[in-house]
């Protein structure tokens, strides 16, 4: 018995078309899965970048307040031992400074008089996570007009 060649070719084409539709669906599902994995990874990376940027900005703000308070206290005409609190800034940064008289000596054991240590703290309390960004600076100042 002889088969009709056109019938066999037609059957082969139908079989091939039916199976290619199944593979196309599988390819689409795999592409969507791969895209979703990449999208989740990119979302996490962007979130981490945003958190790092916010943290860096807050650190810079605290350091600016810290330097400003240190300069303000160190440049007073007359220093005396005390603690000074500064009002909270618009950014929510608190600061305080302590001034204390210190005894410093040269290599020849000569005492340096009218020397003061100024220690400044600035901090930003993050209410959401209950963590605090706190920084300190200190300097020594000679104040000849101080008592």
C-alpha atoms as a PDB file:
ATOM      1  CA  UNK A   1       0.000   0.000   0.000  1.00  0.00           C
ATOM      2  CA  UNK A   2       1.300   3.281  -1.043  1.00  0.00           C
ATOM      3  CA  UNK A   3       0.706   6.413   0.981  1.00  0.00           C
ATOM      4  CA  UNK A   4      -0.020   9.729  -0.488  1.00  0.00           C
ATOM      5  CA  UNK A   5       3.114  11.909  -0.034  1.00  0.00           C
ATOM      6  CA  UNK A   6       1.080  15.104   0.248  1.00  0.00           C
ATOM      7  CA  UNK A   7      -0.969  13.553   3.059  1.00  0.00           C
ATOM      8  CA  UNK A   8       2.184  12.607   5.004  1.00  0.00           C
ATOM      9  CA  UNK A   9       3.696  16.076   4.590  1.00  0.00           C
ATOM     10  CA  UNK A  10       0.486  17.706   5.727  1.00  0.00           C
ATOM     11  CA  UNK A  11       0.375  15.476   8.790  1.00  0.00           C
ATOM     12  CA  UNK A  12       3.991  16.254   9.602  1.00  0.00           C
ATOM     13  CA  UNK A  13       3.342  20.007   9.343  1.00  0.00           C
ATOM     14  CA  UNK A  14       0.300  19.800  11.642  1.00  0.00           C
ATOM     15  CA  UNK A  15       2.299  17.779  14.185  1.00  0.00           C
ATOM     16  CA  UNK A  16       5.180  20.259  14.045  1.00  0.00           C
ATOM     17  CA  UNK A  17       2.869  23.299  14.409  1.00  0.00           C
ATOM     18  CA  UNK A  18       1.102  21.758  17.394  1.00  0.00           C
ATOM     19  CA  UNK A  19       4.395  21.068  19.202  1.00  0.00           C
ATOM     20  CA  UNK A  20       5.887  24.467  18.377  1.00  0.00           C
ATOM     21  CA  UNK A  21       2.958  26.162  20.123  1.00  0.00           C
ATOM     22  CA  UNK A  22       3.774  24.209  23.277  1.00  0.00           C
ATOM     23  CA  UNK A  23       7.419  25.218  23.106  1.00  0.00           C
ATOM     24  CA  UNK A  24       6.490  28.877  22.531  1.00  0.00           C
ATOM     25  CA  UNK A  25       4.370  28.834  25.682  1.00  0.00           C
ATOM     26  CA  UNK A  26       7.235  27.257  27.638  1.00  0.00           C
ATOM     27  CA  UNK A  27       9.644  29.877  26.285  1.00  0.00           C
ATOM     28  CA  UNK A  28       7.278  32.692  27.328  1.00  0.00           C
ATOM     29  CA  UNK A  29       6.922  31.258  30.846  1.00  0.00           C
ATOM     30  CA  UNK A  30      10.707  30.925  31.198  1.00  0.00           C
ATOM     31  CA  UNK A  31      11.248  34.469  29.928  1.00  0.00           C
ATOM     32  CA  UNK A  32       8.719  35.845  32.404  1.00  0.00           C
ATOM     33  CA  UNK A  33      10.330  33.929  35.275  1.00  0.00           C
ATOM     34  CA  UNK A  34      13.772  35.222  34.326  1.00  0.00           C
ATOM     35  CA  UNK A  35      12.448  38.782  34.017  1.00  0.00           C
ATOM     36  CA  UNK A  36      10.784  38.586  37.448  1.00  0.00           C
ATOM     37  CA  UNK A  37      14.006  37.323  39.060  1.00  0.00           C
ATOM     38  CA  UNK A  38      15.964  40.197  37.524  1.00  0.00           C
ATOM     39  CA  UNK A  39      13.259  42.720  38.513  1.00  0.00           C
ATOM     40  CA  UNK A  40      13.307  41.571  42.147  1.00  0.00           C
ATOM     41  CA  UNK A  41      17.101  41.835  42.218  1.00  0.00           C
ATOM     42  CA  UNK A  42      17.026  45.329  40.736  1.00  0.00           C
ATOM     43  CA  UNK A  43      14.358  46.427  43.224  1.00  0.00           C
ATOM     44  CA  UNK A  44      16.482  45.239  46.129  1.00  0.00           C
ATOM     45  CA  UNK A  45      19.561  46.960  44.717  1.00  0.00           C
ATOM     46  CA  UNK A  46      17.699  50.254  44.255  1.00  0.00           C
ATOM     47  CA  UNK A  47      16.337  50.047  47.803  1.00  0.00           C
ATOM     48  CA  UNK A  48      19.854  49.501  49.157  1.00  0.00           C
ATOM     49  CA  UNK A  49      21.132  52.478  47.148  1.00  0.00           C
ATOM     50  CA  UNK A  50      18.336  54.673  48.551  1.00  0.00           C
ATOM     51  CA  UNK A  51      19.124  53.620  52.136  1.00  0.00           C
ATOM     52  CA  UNK A  52      22.833  54.267  51.653  1.00  0.00           C
ATOM     53  CA  UNK A  53      22.138  57.696  50.147  1.00  0.00           C
ATOM     54  CA  UNK A  54      19.850  58.638  53.055  1.00  0.00           C
ATOM     55  CA  UNK A  55      22.424  57.476  55.595  1.00  0.00           C
ATOM     56  CA  UNK A  56      25.206  59.457  53.888  1.00  0.00           C
ATOM     57  CA  UNK A  57      23.061  62.590  53.759  1.00  0.00           C
ATOM     58  CA  UNK A  58      22.227  62.298  57.465  1.00  0.00           C
ATOM     59  CA  UNK A  59      25.890  61.752  58.328  1.00  0.00           C
ATOM     60  CA  UNK A  60      26.852  64.887  56.387  1.00  0.00           C
ATOM     61  CA  UNK A  61      24.144  66.925  58.137  1.00  0.00           C
ATOM     62  CA  UNK A  62      25.319  65.800  61.586  1.00  0.00           C
ATOM     63  CA  UNK A  63      28.933  66.623  60.727  1.00  0.00           C
ATOM     64  CA  UNK A  64      27.981  70.111  59.491  1.00  0.00           C
ATOM     65  CA  UNK A  65      26.124  70.840  62.740  1.00  0.00           C
ATOM     66  CA  UNK A  66      29.027  69.427  64.722  1.00  0.00           C
ATOM     67  CA  UNK A  67      31.577  71.653  62.975  1.00  0.00           C
ATOM     68  CA  UNK A  68      29.328  74.700  63.311  1.00  0.00           C
ATOM     69  CA  UNK A  69      28.787  74.200  67.049  1.00  0.00           C
ATOM     70  CA  UNK A  70      32.497  73.573  67.633  1.00  0.00           C
ATOM     71  CA  UNK A  71      33.429  76.771  65.787  1.00  0.00           C
ATOM     72  CA  UNK A  72      30.810  78.797  67.665  1.00  0.00           C
ATOM     73  CA  UNK A  73      31.986  77.620  71.085  1.00  0.00           C
ATOM     74  CA  UNK A  74      35.719  77.784  70.314  1.00  0.00           C
ATOM     75  CA  UNK A  75      35.519  81.376  69.079  1.00  0.00           C
ATOM     76  CA  UNK A  76      33.909  82.828  72.185  1.00  0.00           C
ATOM     77  CA  UNK A  77      35.971  85.712  73.589  1.00  0.00           C
ATOM     78  CA  UNK A  78      36.000  84.268  77.098  1.00  0.00           C
ATOM     79  CA  UNK A  79      35.798  80.593  78.036  1.00  0.00           C
ATOM     80  CA  UNK A  80      34.754  79.149  81.380  1.00  0.00           C
ATOM     81  CA  UNK A  81      33.982  75.554  82.340  1.00  0.00           C
ATOM     82  CA  UNK A  82      30.345  74.716  81.569  1.00  0.00           C
ATOM     83  CA  UNK A  83      28.001  72.674  79.409  1.00  0.00           C
ATOM     84  CA  UNK A  84      25.998  74.290  76.625  1.00  0.00           C
ATOM     85  CA  UNK A  85      22.957  72.752  74.922  1.00  0.00           C
ATOM     86  CA  UNK A  86      21.918  73.945  71.495  1.00  0.00           C
ATOM     87  CA  UNK A  87      18.364  73.949  70.123  1.00  0.00           C
ATOM     88  CA  UNK A  88      17.348  71.229  67.695  1.00  0.00           C
ATOM     89  CA  UNK A  89      17.967  72.193  64.071  1.00  0.00           C
ATOM     90  CA  UNK A  90      15.303  72.112  61.370  1.00  0.00           C
ATOM     91  CA  UNK A  91      16.739  68.723  60.331  1.00  0.00           C
ATOM     92  CA  UNK A  92      16.126  67.343  63.844  1.00  0.00           C
ATOM     93  CA  UNK A  93      19.772  67.335  64.953  1.00  0.00           C
ATOM     94  CA  UNK A  94      20.546  67.997  68.623  1.00  0.00           C
ATOM     95  CA  UNK A  95      23.924  69.243  69.857  1.00  0.00           C
ATOM     96  CA  UNK A  96      25.708  70.010  73.087  1.00  0.00           C
ATOM     97  CA  UNK A  97      29.174  71.225  74.047  1.00  0.00           C
ATOM     98  CA  UNK A  98      31.200  70.925  77.222  1.00  0.00           C
ATOM     99  CA  UNK A  99      34.037  73.266  78.081  1.00  0.00           C
ATOM    100  CA  UNK A 100      36.574  72.293  80.724  1.00  0.00           C
ATOM    101  CA  UNK A 101      39.844  73.761  81.803  1.00  0.00           C
ATOM    102  CA  UNK A 102      42.787  71.369  81.371  1.00  0.00           C
ATOM    103  CA  UNK A 103      46.340  71.246  82.587  1.00  0.00           C
ATOM    104  CA  UNK A 104      48.761  70.713  79.741  1.00  0.00           C
ATOM    105  CA  UNK A 105      52.552  70.623  79.974  1.00  0.00           C
ATOM    106  CA  UNK A 106      55.293  71.188  77.437  1.00  0.00           C
ATOM    107  CA  UNK A 107      58.203  68.782  76.979  1.00  0.00           C
ATOM    108  CA  UNK A 108      60.193  70.962  79.398  1.00  0.00           C
ATOM    109  CA  UNK A 109      57.478  70.382  82.064  1.00  0.00           C
ATOM    110  CA  UNK A 110      56.209  73.945  81.862  1.00  0.00           C
ATOM    111  CA  UNK A 111      52.477  74.230  82.460  1.00  0.00           C
ATOM    112  CA  UNK A 112      50.395  75.926  79.788  1.00  0.00           C
ATOM    113  CA  UNK A 113      47.812  78.081  81.501  1.00  0.00           C
ATOM    114  CA  UNK A 114      44.382  79.097  80.264  1.00  0.00           C
ATOM    115  CA  UNK A 115      43.966  75.981  78.110  1.00  0.00           C
ATOM    116  CA  UNK A 116      40.474  74.595  77.560  1.00  0.00           C
ATOM    117  CA  UNK A 117      39.178  71.403  76.025  1.00  0.00           C
ATOM    118  CA  UNK A 118      35.965  71.762  74.063  1.00  0.00           C
ATOM    119  CA  UNK A 119      34.073  68.539  73.388  1.00  0.00           C
ATOM    120  CA  UNK A 120      31.042  68.723  71.112  1.00  0.00           C
ATOM    121  CA  UNK A 121      28.411  66.056  70.429  1.00  0.00           C
ATOM    122  CA  UNK A 122      25.733  66.098  67.754  1.00  0.00           C
ATOM    123  CA  UNK A 123      23.151  63.408  67.192  1.00  0.00           C
ATOM    124  CA  UNK A 124      20.136  62.563  65.081  1.00  0.00           C
ATOM    125  CA  UNK A 125      17.578  60.206  66.594  1.00  0.00           C
ATOM    126  CA  UNK A 126      15.771  58.096  64.015  1.00  0.00           C
ATOM    127  CA  UNK A 127      12.371  57.505  65.605  1.00  0.00           C
ATOM    128  CA  UNK A 128      11.300  54.713  63.284  1.00  0.00           C
ATOM    129  CA  UNK A 129      14.118  52.261  64.002  1.00  0.00           C
ATOM    130  CA  UNK A 130      15.104  53.627  67.448  1.00  0.00           C
ATOM    131  CA  UNK A 131      18.698  54.066  66.339  1.00  0.00           C
ATOM    132  CA  UNK A 132      20.797  57.119  66.838  1.00  0.00           C
ATOM    133  CA  UNK A 133      23.468  58.665  64.651  1.00  0.00           C
ATOM    134  CA  UNK A 134      25.869  60.279  67.121  1.00  0.00           C
ATOM    135  CA  UNK A 135      29.226  61.936  66.429  1.00  0.00           C
ATOM    136  CA  UNK A 136      31.762  63.778  68.613  1.00  0.00           C
ATOM    137  CA  UNK A 137      34.614  66.231  68.073  1.00  0.00           C
ATOM    138  CA  UNK A 138      37.000  67.879  70.438  1.00  0.00           C
ATOM    139  CA  UNK A 139      39.671  70.531  70.315  1.00  0.00           C
ATOM    140  CA  UNK A 140      41.979  72.416  72.655  1.00  0.00           C
ATOM    141  CA  UNK A 141      41.853  76.196  72.796  1.00  0.00           C
ATOM    142  CA  UNK A 142      44.140  78.786  74.362  1.00  0.00           C
ATOM    143  CA  UNK A 143      42.033  81.635  75.772  1.00  0.00           C
ATOM    144  CA  UNK A 144      44.255  84.353  77.263  1.00  0.00           C
ATOM    145  CA  UNK A 145      41.348  86.601  78.370  1.00  0.00           C
ATOM    146  CA  UNK A 146      39.565  83.844  80.274  1.00  0.00           C
ATOM    147  CA  UNK A 147      39.726  83.953  84.077  1.00  0.00           C
END
